[in-house]
Amino acid sequence: MRTAIRKRPDKGLLAGMYEFPSAEGHLSREEVLALLKEKGMHPLRISRLPDSRHVFSHKEWEMIGYCIRVDELEPVGGVKEGLLFVEPARTEKEYPIPSAYAAYTDYLQIRIGNGKYEAENVDNQ
């Protein structure tokens, strides 16, 4: 299994870190499907994940997540938008994902933050 991630802009909130593909606002399942088709991806299955909330010191994110399985990892005739398709375990060392996405990293069994370092310590004992 691989997951899509992309690098955030070099300036602004969570600059230079990686994120799961996202869109502004709260999209319905139908809107997500339309967006994927517009980008040249052919979804096979879409499942809604639990909603998530992350509070920064100055901003609050209310997130709706979807797990989407596609027939091809590369968009067909669509815009790639800097997407990387990586095995979830690779994100732990190569692609830092902020704790703001913890609900979704848990779903993919990606260890971040303290969970990542606690697991490394257990593995090394």
PDB file of N, CA and C in Angstrom:
ATOM      1  N   MET A   1       0.842  -1.173   0.000  1.00  0.00           N
ATOM      2  CA  MET A   1       0.000   0.000   0.000  1.00  0.00           C
ATOM      3  C   MET A   1       0.892   1.244   0.000  1.00  0.00           C
ATOM      4  N   ARG A   2       0.501   2.219  -0.735  1.00  0.00           N
ATOM      5  CA  ARG A   2       1.186   3.512  -0.760  1.00  0.00           C
ATOM      6  C   ARG A   2       0.173   4.592  -0.443  1.00  0.00           C
ATOM      7  N   THR A   3       0.681   5.700   0.046  1.00  0.00           N
ATOM      8  CA  THR A   3      -0.187   6.831   0.334  1.00  0.00           C
ATOM      9  C   THR A   3       0.342   8.063  -0.386  1.00  0.00           C
ATOM     10  N   ALA A   4      -0.560   8.952  -0.734  1.00  0.00           N
ATOM     11  CA  ALA A   4      -0.179  10.191  -1.410  1.00  0.00           C
ATOM     12  C   ALA A   4       0.149  11.249  -0.363  1.00  0.00           C
ATOM     13  N   ILE A   5       1.263  11.919  -0.558  1.00  0.00           N
ATOM     14  CA  ILE A   5       1.641  13.062   0.271  1.00  0.00           C
ATOM     15  C   ILE A   5       2.191  14.131  -0.663  1.00  0.00           C
ATOM     16  N   ARG A   6       2.292  15.340  -0.136  1.00  0.00           N
ATOM     17  CA  ARG A   6       2.908  16.424  -0.899  1.00  0.00           C
ATOM     18  C   ARG A   6       3.581  17.370   0.082  1.00  0.00           C
ATOM     19  N   LYS A   7       4.576  18.080  -0.416  1.00  0.00           N
ATOM     20  CA  LYS A   7       5.317  19.021   0.419  1.00  0.00           C
ATOM     21  C   LYS A   7       4.542  20.325   0.524  1.00  0.00           C
ATOM     22  N   ARG A   8       4.469  20.846   1.760  1.00  0.00           N
ATOM     23  CA  ARG A   8       3.816  22.132   1.978  1.00  0.00           C
ATOM     24  C   ARG A   8       4.732  23.256   1.484  1.00  0.00           C
ATOM     25  N   PRO A   9       4.178  24.438   1.244  1.00  0.00           N
ATOM     26  CA  PRO A   9       5.008  25.568   0.806  1.00  0.00           C
ATOM     27  C   PRO A   9       6.132  25.870   1.804  1.00  0.00           C
ATOM     28  N   ASP A  10       7.180  26.502   1.310  1.00  0.00           N
ATOM     29  CA  ASP A  10       8.334  26.818   2.149  1.00  0.00           C
ATOM     30  C   ASP A  10       8.060  27.929   3.159  1.00  0.00           C
ATOM     31  N   LYS A  11       6.971  28.629   2.995  1.00  0.00           N
ATOM     32  CA  LYS A  11       6.600  29.687   3.939  1.00  0.00           C
ATOM     33  C   LYS A  11       5.199  29.437   4.448  1.00  0.00           C
ATOM     34  N   GLY A  12       4.920  29.897   5.663  1.00  0.00           N
ATOM     35  CA  GLY A  12       3.580  29.765   6.223  1.00  0.00           C
ATOM     36  C   GLY A  12       3.491  28.646   7.238  1.00  0.00           C
ATOM     37  N   LEU A  13       2.277  28.308   7.580  1.00  0.00           N
ATOM     38  CA  LEU A  13       1.986  27.288   8.580  1.00  0.00           C
ATOM     39  C   LEU A  13       2.559  25.933   8.166  1.00  0.00           C
ATOM     40  N   LEU A  14       3.310  25.305   9.056  1.00  0.00           N
ATOM     41  CA  LEU A  14       3.923  23.985   8.830  1.00  0.00           C
ATOM     42  C   LEU A  14       4.806  23.976   7.578  1.00  0.00           C
ATOM     43  N   ALA A  15       5.542  25.059   7.377  1.00  0.00           N
ATOM     44  CA  ALA A  15       6.381  25.251   6.193  1.00  0.00           C
ATOM     45  C   ALA A  15       7.356  24.103   5.981  1.00  0.00           C
ATOM     46  N   GLY A  16       7.402  23.630   4.740  1.00  0.00           N
ATOM     47  CA  GLY A  16       8.369  22.632   4.326  1.00  0.00           C
ATOM     48  C   GLY A  16       8.097  21.208   4.790  1.00  0.00           C
ATOM     49  N   MET A  17       7.053  21.007   5.556  1.00  0.00           N
ATOM     50  CA  MET A  17       6.721  19.654   5.993  1.00  0.00           C
ATOM     51  C   MET A  17       5.814  19.002   4.944  1.00  0.00           C
ATOM     52  N   TYR A  18       5.488  17.749   5.166  1.00  0.00           N
ATOM     53  CA  TYR A  18       4.642  17.026   4.225  1.00  0.00           C
ATOM     54  C   TYR A  18       3.239  16.880   4.779  1.00  0.00           C
ATOM     55  N   GLU A  19       2.281  16.778   3.876  1.00  0.00           N
ATOM     56  CA  GLU A  19       0.879  16.638   4.264  1.00  0.00           C
ATOM     57  C   GLU A  19       0.198  15.659   3.325  1.00  0.00           C
ATOM     58  N   PHE A  20      -0.955  15.209   3.748  1.00  0.00           N
ATOM     59  CA  PHE A  20      -1.803  14.441   2.854  1.00  0.00           C
ATOM     60  C   PHE A  20      -2.492  15.449   1.940  1.00  0.00           C
ATOM     61  N   PRO A  21      -2.794  15.093   0.697  1.00  0.00           N
ATOM     62  CA  PRO A  21      -3.470  16.044  -0.187  1.00  0.00           C
ATOM     63  C   PRO A  21      -4.734  16.579   0.482  1.00  0.00           C
ATOM     64  N   SER A  22      -4.947  17.857   0.322  1.00  0.00           N
ATOM     65  CA  SER A  22      -6.085  18.482   0.991  1.00  0.00           C
ATOM     66  C   SER A  22      -6.682  19.576   0.116  1.00  0.00           C
ATOM     67  N   ALA A  23      -7.845  20.018   0.532  1.00  0.00           N
ATOM     68  CA  ALA A  23      -8.544  21.101  -0.165  1.00  0.00           C
ATOM     69  C   ALA A  23      -9.135  22.016   0.896  1.00  0.00           C
ATOM     70  N   GLU A  24      -9.292  23.274   0.557  1.00  0.00           N
ATOM     71  CA  GLU A  24      -9.918  24.227   1.462  1.00  0.00           C
ATOM     72  C   GLU A  24     -11.383  23.882   1.638  1.00  0.00           C
ATOM     73  N   GLY A  25     -11.882  24.076   2.839  1.00  0.00           N
ATOM     74  CA  GLY A  25     -13.292  23.835   3.107  1.00  0.00           C
ATOM     75  C   GLY A  25     -13.573  22.368   3.381  1.00  0.00           C
ATOM     76  N   HIS A  26     -14.814  22.064   3.580  1.00  0.00           N
ATOM     77  CA  HIS A  26     -15.258  20.694   3.834  1.00  0.00           C
ATOM     78  C   HIS A  26     -15.971  20.180   2.597  1.00  0.00           C
ATOM     79  N   LEU A  27     -15.381  19.188   1.956  1.00  0.00           N
ATOM     80  CA  LEU A  27     -15.954  18.641   0.743  1.00  0.00           C
ATOM     81  C   LEU A  27     -16.778  17.398   1.054  1.00  0.00           C
ATOM     82  N   SER A  28     -17.874  17.253   0.354  1.00  0.00           N
ATOM     83  CA  SER A  28     -18.678  16.037   0.469  1.00  0.00           C
ATOM     84  C   SER A  28     -17.972  14.924  -0.309  1.00  0.00           C
ATOM     85  N   ARG A  29     -18.449  13.716  -0.115  1.00  0.00           N
ATOM     86  CA  ARG A  29     -17.898  12.570  -0.841  1.00  0.00           C
ATOM     87  C   ARG A  29     -18.012  12.807  -2.352  1.00  0.00           C
ATOM     88  N   GLU A  30     -19.137  13.321  -2.799  1.00  0.00           N
ATOM     89  CA  GLU A  30     -19.349  13.578  -4.225  1.00  0.00           C
ATOM     90  C   GLU A  30     -18.390  14.647  -4.747  1.00  0.00           C
ATOM     91  N   GLU A  31     -18.146  15.687  -3.951  1.00  0.00           N
ATOM     92  CA  GLU A  31     -17.198  16.736  -4.357  1.00  0.00           C
ATOM     93  C   GLU A  31     -15.779  16.196  -4.436  1.00  0.00           C
ATOM     94  N   VAL A  32     -15.419  15.309  -3.511  1.00  0.00           N
ATOM     95  CA  VAL A  32     -14.087  14.688  -3.542  1.00  0.00           C
ATOM     96  C   VAL A  32     -13.945  13.844  -4.808  1.00  0.00           C
ATOM     97  N   LEU A  33     -14.952  13.056  -5.130  1.00  0.00           N
ATOM     98  CA  LEU A  33     -14.910  12.229  -6.338  1.00  0.00           C
ATOM     99  C   LEU A  33     -14.773  13.089  -7.590  1.00  0.00           C
ATOM    100  N   ALA A  34     -15.511  14.181  -7.658  1.00  0.00           N
ATOM    101  CA  ALA A  34     -15.433  15.072  -8.816  1.00  0.00           C
ATOM    102  C   ALA A  34     -14.041  15.691  -8.927  1.00  0.00           C
ATOM    103  N   LEU A  35     -13.463  16.087  -7.805  1.00  0.00           N
ATOM    104  CA  LEU A  35     -12.122  16.675  -7.806  1.00  0.00           C
ATOM    105  C   LEU A  35     -11.083  15.664  -8.288  1.00  0.00           C
ATOM    106  N   LEU A  36     -11.184  14.426  -7.826  1.00  0.00           N
ATOM    107  CA  LEU A  36     -10.250  13.384  -8.257  1.00  0.00           C
ATOM    108  C   LEU A  36     -10.357  13.138  -9.757  1.00  0.00           C
ATOM    109  N   LYS A  37     -11.576  13.058 -10.259  1.00  0.00           N
ATOM    110  CA  LYS A  37     -11.772  12.826 -11.693  1.00  0.00           C
ATOM    111  C   LYS A  37     -11.225  13.993 -12.512  1.00  0.00           C
ATOM    112  N   GLU A  38     -11.416  15.216 -12.004  1.00  0.00           N
ATOM    113  CA  GLU A  38     -10.886  16.412 -12.667  1.00  0.00           C
ATOM    114  C   GLU A  38      -9.360  16.343 -12.764  1.00  0.00           C
ATOM    115  N   LYS A  39      -8.721  15.734 -11.775  1.00  0.00           N
ATOM    116  CA  LYS A  39      -7.261  15.627 -11.742  1.00  0.00           C
ATOM    117  C   LYS A  39      -6.753  14.377 -12.455  1.00  0.00           C
ATOM    118  N   GLY A  40      -7.669  13.636 -13.081  1.00  0.00           N
ATOM    119  CA  GLY A  40      -7.265  12.490 -13.875  1.00  0.00           C
ATOM    120  C   GLY A  40      -7.104  11.202 -13.094  1.00  0.00           C
ATOM    121  N   MET A  41      -7.629  11.142 -11.893  1.00  0.00           N
ATOM    122  CA  MET A  41      -7.550   9.921 -11.097  1.00  0.00           C
ATOM    123  C   MET A  41      -8.884   9.200 -11.140  1.00  0.00           C
ATOM    124  N   HIS A  42      -8.814   7.887 -11.081  1.00  0.00           N
ATOM    125  CA  HIS A  42     -10.014   7.068 -11.156  1.00  0.00           C
ATOM    126  C   HIS A  42     -10.185   6.318  -9.839  1.00  0.00           C
ATOM    127  N   PRO A  43     -11.009   6.846  -8.957  1.00  0.00           N
ATOM    128  CA  PRO A  43     -11.202   6.207  -7.650  1.00  0.00           C
ATOM    129  C   PRO A  43     -11.951   4.886  -7.760  1.00  0.00           C
ATOM    130  N   LEU A  44     -11.453   3.895  -7.016  1.00  0.00           N
ATOM    131  CA  LEU A  44     -12.123   2.599  -6.944  1.00  0.00           C
ATOM    132  C   LEU A  44     -13.032   2.523  -5.727  1.00  0.00           C
ATOM    133  N   ARG A  45     -12.572   3.150  -4.637  1.00  0.00           N
ATOM    134  CA  ARG A  45     -13.337   3.123  -3.392  1.00  0.00           C
ATOM    135  C   ARG A  45     -12.977   4.360  -2.577  1.00  0.00           C
ATOM    136  N   ILE A  46     -13.971   4.906  -1.909  1.00  0.00           N
ATOM    137  CA  ILE A  46     -13.751   6.055  -1.037  1.00  0.00           C
ATOM    138  C   ILE A  46     -14.479   5.792   0.280  1.00  0.00           C
ATOM    139  N   SER A  47     -13.756   5.971   1.374  1.00  0.00           N
ATOM    140  CA  SER A  47     -14.325   5.761   2.706  1.00  0.00           C
ATOM    141  C   SER A  47     -14.060   7.002   3.543  1.00  0.00           C
ATOM    142  N   ARG A  48     -15.077   7.440   4.241  1.00  0.00           N
ATOM    143  CA  ARG A  48     -14.892   8.595   5.118  1.00  0.00           C
ATOM    144  C   ARG A  48     -14.183   8.143   6.385  1.00  0.00           C
ATOM    145  N   LEU A  49     -13.200   8.917   6.797  1.00  0.00           N
ATOM    146  CA  LEU A  49     -12.464   8.673   8.034  1.00  0.00           C
ATOM    147  C   LEU A  49     -13.054   9.556   9.127  1.00  0.00           C
ATOM    148  N   PRO A  50     -12.697   9.303  10.370  1.00  0.00           N
ATOM    149  CA  PRO A  50     -13.210  10.169  11.444  1.00  0.00           C
ATOM    150  C   PRO A  50     -12.769  11.625  11.242  1.00  0.00           C
ATOM    151  N   ASP A  51     -13.631  12.529  11.636  1.00  0.00           N
ATOM    152  CA  ASP A  51     -13.275  13.948  11.598  1.00  0.00           C
ATOM    153  C   ASP A  51     -12.147  14.185  12.594  1.00  0.00           C
ATOM    154  N   SER A  52     -11.378  15.232  12.358  1.00  0.00           N
ATOM    155  CA  SER A  52     -10.263  15.537  13.243  1.00  0.00           C
ATOM    156  C   SER A  52     -10.205  17.043  13.481  1.00  0.00           C
ATOM    157  N   ARG A  53      -9.698  17.400  14.623  1.00  0.00           N
ATOM    158  CA  ARG A  53      -9.556  18.819  14.987  1.00  0.00           C
ATOM    159  C   ARG A  53      -8.162  19.011  15.544  1.00  0.00           C
ATOM    160  N   HIS A  54      -7.470  20.042  15.064  1.00  0.00           N
ATOM    161  CA  HIS A  54      -6.155  20.379  15.595  1.00  0.00           C
ATOM    162  C   HIS A  54      -6.131  21.868  15.900  1.00  0.00           C
ATOM    163  N   VAL A  55      -5.687  22.207  17.096  1.00  0.00           N
ATOM    164  CA  VAL A  55      -5.630  23.598  17.523  1.00  0.00           C
ATOM    165  C   VAL A  55      -4.170  24.040  17.583  1.00  0.00           C
ATOM    166  N   PHE A  56      -3.862  25.028  16.776  1.00  0.00           N
ATOM    167  CA  PHE A  56      -2.565  25.687  16.829  1.00  0.00           C
ATOM    168  C   PHE A  56      -2.712  26.837  17.829  1.00  0.00           C
ATOM    169  N   SER A  57      -1.649  27.528  18.135  1.00  0.00           N
ATOM    170  CA  SER A  57      -1.747  28.638  19.086  1.00  0.00           C
ATOM    171  C   SER A  57      -2.621  29.771  18.550  1.00  0.00           C
ATOM    172  N   HIS A  58      -2.729  29.903  17.235  1.00  0.00           N
ATOM    173  CA  HIS A  58      -3.433  31.029  16.629  1.00  0.00           C
ATOM    174  C   HIS A  58      -4.470  30.620  15.579  1.00  0.00           C
ATOM    175  N   LYS A  59      -4.659  29.326  15.405  1.00  0.00           N
ATOM    176  CA  LYS A  59      -5.558  28.871  14.340  1.00  0.00           C
ATOM    177  C   LYS A  59      -6.095  27.487  14.704  1.00  0.00           C
ATOM    178  N   GLU A  60      -7.282  27.195  14.204  1.00  0.00           N
ATOM    179  CA  GLU A  60      -7.898  25.901  14.468  1.00  0.00           C
ATOM    180  C   GLU A  60      -8.280  25.246  13.146  1.00  0.00           C
ATOM    181  N   TRP A  61      -7.928  23.970  13.003  1.00  0.00           N
ATOM    182  CA  TRP A  61      -8.307  23.212  11.813  1.00  0.00           C
ATOM    183  C   TRP A  61      -9.372  22.199  12.194  1.00  0.00           C
ATOM    184  N   GLU A  62     -10.467  22.195  11.460  1.00  0.00           N
ATOM    185  CA  GLU A  62     -11.508  21.175  11.566  1.00  0.00           C
ATOM    186  C   GLU A  62     -11.404  20.388  10.261  1.00  0.00           C
ATOM    187  N   MET A  63     -11.023  19.107  10.351  1.00  0.00           N
ATOM    188  CA  MET A  63     -10.732  18.337   9.146  1.00  0.00           C
ATOM    189  C   MET A  63     -11.699  17.169   8.962  1.00  0.00           C
ATOM    190  N   ILE A  64     -12.022  16.927   7.712  1.00  0.00           N
ATOM    191  CA  ILE A  64     -12.768  15.747   7.291  1.00  0.00           C
ATOM    192  C   ILE A  64     -11.798  14.950   6.431  1.00  0.00           C
ATOM    193  N   GLY A  65     -11.648  13.673   6.724  1.00  0.00           N
ATOM    194  CA  GLY A  65     -10.706  12.850   5.967  1.00  0.00           C
ATOM    195  C   GLY A  65     -11.397  11.750   5.197  1.00  0.00           C
ATOM    196  N   TYR A  66     -10.783  11.378   4.096  1.00  0.00           N
ATOM    197  CA  TYR A  66     -11.261  10.269   3.277  1.00  0.00           C
ATOM    198  C   TYR A  66     -10.078   9.364   2.934  1.00  0.00           C
ATOM    199  N   CYS A  67     -10.304   8.078   2.942  1.00  0.00           N
ATOM    200  CA  CYS A  67      -9.341   7.116   2.417  1.00  0.00           C
ATOM    201  C   CYS A  67      -9.834   6.771   1.023  1.00  0.00           C
ATOM    202  N   ILE A  68      -8.978   7.009   0.043  1.00  0.00           N
ATOM    203  CA  ILE A  68      -9.382   6.828  -1.342  1.00  0.00           C
ATOM    204  C   ILE A  68      -8.431   5.852  -2.024  1.00  0.00           C
ATOM    205  N   ARG A  69      -8.968   4.821  -2.585  1.00  0.00           N
ATOM    206  CA  ARG A  69      -8.173   3.868  -3.364  1.00  0.00           C
ATOM    207  C   ARG A  69      -8.398   4.203  -4.829  1.00  0.00           C
ATOM    208  N   VAL A  70      -7.279   4.290  -5.568  1.00  0.00           N
ATOM    209  CA  VAL A  70      -7.363   4.617  -6.992  1.00  0.00           C
ATOM    210  C   VAL A  70      -6.778   3.478  -7.816  1.00  0.00           C
ATOM    211  N   ASP A  71      -7.133   3.438  -9.092  1.00  0.00           N
ATOM    212  CA  ASP A  71      -6.640   2.352  -9.939  1.00  0.00           C
ATOM    213  C   ASP A  71      -5.194   2.555 -10.363  1.00  0.00           C
ATOM    214  N   GLU A  72      -4.736   3.778 -10.446  1.00  0.00           N
ATOM    215  CA  GLU A  72      -3.360   4.109 -10.818  1.00  0.00           C
ATOM    216  C   GLU A  72      -2.819   5.115  -9.829  1.00  0.00           C
ATOM    217  N   LEU A  73      -1.530   5.004  -9.497  1.00  0.00           N
ATOM    218  CA  LEU A  73      -0.951   5.943  -8.551  1.00  0.00           C
ATOM    219  C   LEU A  73      -0.610   7.280  -9.192  1.00  0.00           C
ATOM    220  N   GLU A  74      -0.430   7.302 -10.470  1.00  0.00           N
ATOM    221  CA  GLU A  74      -0.144   8.553 -11.158  1.00  0.00           C
ATOM    222  C   GLU A  74      -1.410   9.038 -11.846  1.00  0.00           C
ATOM    223  N   PRO A  75      -1.704  10.326 -11.749  1.00  0.00           N
ATOM    224  CA  PRO A  75      -2.873  10.852 -12.453  1.00  0.00           C
ATOM    225  C   PRO A  75      -2.758  10.621 -13.960  1.00  0.00           C
ATOM    226  N   VAL A  76      -3.856  10.250 -14.586  1.00  0.00           N
ATOM    227  CA  VAL A  76      -3.885   9.999 -16.024  1.00  0.00           C
ATOM    228  C   VAL A  76      -4.371  11.267 -16.711  1.00  0.00           C
ATOM    229  N   GLY A  77      -3.459  11.987 -17.325  1.00  0.00           N
ATOM    230  CA  GLY A  77      -3.841  13.187 -18.045  1.00  0.00           C
ATOM    231  C   GLY A  77      -4.225  14.347 -17.143  1.00  0.00           C
ATOM    232  N   GLY A  78      -4.071  14.185 -15.846  1.00  0.00           N
ATOM    233  CA  GLY A  78      -4.419  15.241 -14.898  1.00  0.00           C
ATOM    234  C   GLY A  78      -3.177  15.947 -14.382  1.00  0.00           C
ATOM    235  N   VAL A  79      -3.379  16.772 -13.398  1.00  0.00           N
ATOM    236  CA  VAL A  79      -2.290  17.549 -12.814  1.00  0.00           C
ATOM    237  C   VAL A  79      -1.759  16.797 -11.602  1.00  0.00           C
ATOM    238  N   LYS A  80      -0.453  16.557 -11.567  1.00  0.00           N
ATOM    239  CA  LYS A  80       0.150  15.784 -10.481  1.00  0.00           C
ATOM    240  C   LYS A  80       0.232  16.582  -9.183  1.00  0.00           C
ATOM    241  N   GLU A  81       0.438  17.880  -9.252  1.00  0.00           N
ATOM    242  CA  GLU A  81       0.477  18.764  -8.080  1.00  0.00           C
ATOM    243  C   GLU A  81       1.512  18.356  -7.033  1.00  0.00           C
ATOM    244  N   GLY A  82       2.640  17.833  -7.480  1.00  0.00           N
ATOM    245  CA  GLY A  82       3.709  17.503  -6.549  1.00  0.00           C
ATOM    246  C   GLY A  82       3.434  16.314  -5.650  1.00  0.00           C
ATOM    247  N   LEU A  83       2.525  15.441  -6.040  1.00  0.00           N
ATOM    248  CA  LEU A  83       2.205  14.286  -5.213  1.00  0.00           C
ATOM    249  C   LEU A  83       3.329  13.259  -5.249  1.00  0.00           C
ATOM    250  N   LEU A  84       3.610  12.701  -4.093  1.00  0.00           N
ATOM    251  CA  LEU A  84       4.515  11.563  -3.965  1.00  0.00           C
ATOM    252  C   LEU A  84       3.670  10.400  -3.481  1.00  0.00           C
ATOM    253  N   PHE A  85       3.929   9.225  -3.996  1.00  0.00           N
ATOM    254  CA  PHE A  85       3.215   8.030  -3.560  1.00  0.00           C
ATOM    255  C   PHE A  85       4.231   7.141  -2.858  1.00  0.00           C
ATOM    256  N   VAL A  86       4.147   7.080  -1.534  1.00  0.00           N
ATOM    257  CA  VAL A  86       5.169   6.391  -0.744  1.00  0.00           C
ATOM    258  C   VAL A  86       4.536   5.376   0.204  1.00  0.00           C
ATOM    259  N   GLU A  87       5.352   4.381   0.584  1.00  0.00           N
ATOM    260  CA  GLU A  87       4.918   3.444   1.606  1.00  0.00           C
ATOM    261  C   GLU A  87       4.841   4.219   2.919  1.00  0.00           C
ATOM    262  N   PRO A  88       3.790   4.018   3.713  1.00  0.00           N
ATOM    263  CA  PRO A  88       3.650   4.782   4.959  1.00  0.00           C
ATOM    264  C   PRO A  88       4.883   4.739   5.863  1.00  0.00           C
ATOM    265  N   ALA A  89       5.567   3.622   5.947  1.00  0.00           N
ATOM    266  CA  ALA A  89       6.742   3.534   6.818  1.00  0.00           C
ATOM    267  C   ALA A  89       7.856   4.494   6.384  1.00  0.00           C
ATOM    268  N   ARG A  90       7.945   4.802   5.100  1.00  0.00           N
ATOM    269  CA  ARG A  90       8.986   5.728   4.620  1.00  0.00           C
ATOM    270  C   ARG A  90       8.780   7.143   5.143  1.00  0.00           C
ATOM    271  N   THR A  91       7.536   7.500   5.453  1.00  0.00           N
ATOM    272  CA  THR A  91       7.297   8.862   5.924  1.00  0.00           C
ATOM    273  C   THR A  91       7.968   9.095   7.274  1.00  0.00           C
ATOM    274  N   GLU A  92       8.147   8.037   8.061  1.00  0.00           N
ATOM    275  CA  GLU A  92       8.715   8.195   9.399  1.00  0.00           C
ATOM    276  C   GLU A  92      10.127   8.770   9.372  1.00  0.00           C
ATOM    277  N   LYS A  93      10.904   8.423   8.367  1.00  0.00           N
ATOM    278  CA  LYS A  93      12.290   8.899   8.313  1.00  0.00           C
ATOM    279  C   LYS A  93      12.541   9.916   7.209  1.00  0.00           C
ATOM    280  N   GLU A  94      11.792   9.834   6.132  1.00  0.00           N
ATOM    281  CA  GLU A  94      12.100  10.648   4.963  1.00  0.00           C
ATOM    282  C   GLU A  94      11.184  11.849   4.745  1.00  0.00           C
ATOM    283  N   TYR A  95       9.941  11.753   5.231  1.00  0.00           N
ATOM    284  CA  TYR A  95       8.956  12.786   4.934  1.00  0.00           C
ATOM    285  C   TYR A  95       8.210  13.168   6.210  1.00  0.00           C
ATOM    286  N   PRO A  96       8.684  14.189   6.939  1.00  0.00           N
ATOM    287  CA  PRO A  96       8.032  14.542   8.208  1.00  0.00           C
ATOM    288  C   PRO A  96       6.598  15.026   8.021  1.00  0.00           C
ATOM    289  N   ILE A  97       5.687  14.354   8.709  1.00  0.00           N
ATOM    290  CA  ILE A  97       4.271  14.731   8.667  1.00  0.00           C
ATOM    291  C   ILE A  97       3.915  15.318  10.023  1.00  0.00           C
ATOM    292  N   PRO A  98       3.370  16.528  10.067  1.00  0.00           N
ATOM    293  CA  PRO A  98       3.059  17.200  11.336  1.00  0.00           C
ATOM    294  C   PRO A  98       2.002  16.453  12.158  1.00  0.00           C
ATOM    295  N   SER A  99       2.061  16.649  13.461  1.00  0.00           N
ATOM    296  CA  SER A  99       1.105  16.005  14.362  1.00  0.00           C
ATOM    297  C   SER A  99      -0.326  16.489  14.123  1.00  0.00           C
ATOM    298  N   ALA A 100      -0.507  17.590  13.410  1.00  0.00           N
ATOM    299  CA  ALA A 100      -1.856  18.057  13.080  1.00  0.00           C
ATOM    300  C   ALA A 100      -2.631  16.984  12.321  1.00  0.00           C
ATOM    301  N   TYR A 101      -1.926  16.090  11.656  1.00  0.00           N
ATOM    302  CA  TYR A 101      -2.559  15.026  10.877  1.00  0.00           C
ATOM    303  C   TYR A 101      -2.577  13.697  11.633  1.00  0.00           C
ATOM    304  N   ALA A 102      -2.431  13.729  12.956  1.00  0.00           N
ATOM    305  CA  ALA A 102      -2.302  12.509  13.756  1.00  0.00           C
ATOM    306  C   ALA A 102      -3.452  11.527  13.552  1.00  0.00           C
ATOM    307  N   ALA A 103      -4.666  12.000  13.420  1.00  0.00           N
ATOM    308  CA  ALA A 103      -5.800  11.085  13.230  1.00  0.00           C
ATOM    309  C   ALA A 103      -5.623  10.256  11.963  1.00  0.00           C
ATOM    310  N   TYR A 104      -5.010  10.837  10.957  1.00  0.00           N
ATOM    311  CA  TYR A 104      -4.859  10.154   9.685  1.00  0.00           C
ATOM    312  C   TYR A 104      -3.559   9.356   9.635  1.00  0.00           C
ATOM    313  N   THR A 105      -2.529   9.803  10.323  1.00  0.00           N
ATOM    314  CA  THR A 105      -1.315   8.984  10.404  1.00  0.00           C
ATOM    315  C   THR A 105      -1.601   7.729  11.221  1.00  0.00           C
ATOM    316  N   ASP A 106      -2.436   7.834  12.254  1.00  0.00           N
ATOM    317  CA  ASP A 106      -2.834   6.648  13.023  1.00  0.00           C
ATOM    318  C   ASP A 106      -3.526   5.639  12.117  1.00  0.00           C
ATOM    319  N   TYR A 107      -4.408   6.115  11.273  1.00  0.00           N
ATOM    320  CA  TYR A 107      -5.142   5.231  10.357  1.00  0.00           C
ATOM    321  C   TYR A 107      -4.168   4.460   9.460  1.00  0.00           C
ATOM    322  N   LEU A 108      -3.096   5.124   9.024  1.00  0.00           N
ATOM    323  CA  LEU A 108      -2.103   4.502   8.148  1.00  0.00           C
ATOM    324  C   LEU A 108      -0.975   3.822   8.925  1.00  0.00           C
ATOM    325  N   GLN A 109      -1.058   3.846  10.248  1.00  0.00           N
ATOM    326  CA  GLN A 109      -0.043   3.276  11.132  1.00  0.00           C
ATOM    327  C   GLN A 109       1.323   3.925  10.917  1.00  0.00           C
ATOM    328  N   ILE A 110       1.311   5.240  10.717  1.00  0.00           N
ATOM    329  CA  ILE A 110       2.538   6.016  10.614  1.00  0.00           C
ATOM    330  C   ILE A 110       2.819   6.576  11.993  1.00  0.00           C
ATOM    331  N   ARG A 111       4.016   6.337  12.497  1.00  0.00           N
ATOM    332  CA  ARG A 111       4.376   6.872  13.804  1.00  0.00           C
ATOM    333  C   ARG A 111       4.974   8.263  13.615  1.00  0.00           C
ATOM    334  N   ILE A 112       4.473   9.220  14.401  1.00  0.00           N
ATOM    335  CA  ILE A 112       5.004  10.580  14.352  1.00  0.00           C
ATOM    336  C   ILE A 112       5.310  11.027  15.768  1.00  0.00           C
ATOM    337  N   GLY A 113       6.101  12.068  15.897  1.00  0.00           N
ATOM    338  CA  GLY A 113       6.377  12.675  17.201  1.00  0.00           C
ATOM    339  C   GLY A 113       6.870  11.675  18.221  1.00  0.00           C
ATOM    340  N   ASN A 114       6.350  11.770  19.446  1.00  0.00           N
ATOM    341  CA  ASN A 114       6.793  10.911  20.536  1.00  0.00           C
ATOM    342  C   ASN A 114       6.550   9.436  20.253  1.00  0.00           C
ATOM    343  N   GLY A 115       5.471   9.101  19.584  1.00  0.00           N
ATOM    344  CA  GLY A 115       5.190   7.707  19.252  1.00  0.00           C
ATOM    345  C   GLY A 115       6.288   7.099  18.396  1.00  0.00           C
ATOM    346  N   LYS A 116       6.835   7.897  17.505  1.00  0.00           N
ATOM    347  CA  LYS A 116       7.917   7.444  16.638  1.00  0.00           C
ATOM    348  C   LYS A 116       9.157   7.137  17.469  1.00  0.00           C
ATOM    349  N   TYR A 117       9.504   8.037  18.387  1.00  0.00           N
ATOM    350  CA  TYR A 117      10.735   7.855  19.159  1.00  0.00           C
ATOM    351  C   TYR A 117      10.579   6.774  20.216  1.00  0.00           C
ATOM    352  N   GLU A 118       9.401   6.631  20.783  1.00  0.00           N
ATOM    353  CA  GLU A 118       9.162   5.555  21.754  1.00  0.00           C
ATOM    354  C   GLU A 118       9.302   4.204  21.072  1.00  0.00           C
ATOM    355  N   ALA A 119       8.772   4.065  19.864  1.00  0.00           N
ATOM    356  CA  ALA A 119       8.875   2.802  19.130  1.00  0.00           C
ATOM    357  C   ALA A 119      10.317   2.495  18.782  1.00  0.00           C
ATOM    358  N   GLU A 120      11.102   3.526  18.412  1.00  0.00           N
ATOM    359  CA  GLU A 120      12.517   3.305  18.088  1.00  0.00           C
ATOM    360  C   GLU A 120      13.270   2.824  19.315  1.00  0.00           C
ATOM    361  N   ASN A 121      12.972   3.375  20.485  1.00  0.00           N
ATOM    362  CA  ASN A 121      13.642   2.952  21.707  1.00  0.00           C
ATOM    363  C   ASN A 121      13.307   1.513  22.052  1.00  0.00           C
ATOM    364  N   VAL A 122      12.053   1.111  21.859  1.00  0.00           N
ATOM    365  CA  VAL A 122      11.657  -0.271  22.121  1.00  0.00           C
ATOM    366  C   VAL A 122      12.374  -1.204  21.144  1.00  0.00           C
ATOM    367  N   ASP A 123      12.456  -0.805  19.878  1.00  0.00           N
ATOM    368  CA  ASP A 123      13.117  -1.626  18.867  1.00  0.00           C
ATOM    369  C   ASP A 123      14.598  -1.811  19.154  1.00  0.00           C
ATOM    370  N   ASN A 124      15.228  -0.833  19.770  1.00  0.00           N
ATOM    371  CA  ASN A 124      16.666  -0.872  20.032  1.00  0.00           C
ATOM    372  C   ASN A 124      17.014  -1.568  21.341  1.00  0.00           C
ATOM    373  N   GLN A 125      16.039  -1.979  22.117  1.00  0.00           N
ATOM    374  CA  GLN A 125      16.333  -2.625  23.411  1.00  0.00           C
ATOM    375  C   GLN A 125      16.474  -4.100  23.258  1.00  0.00           C
TER     376      GLN A 125
END
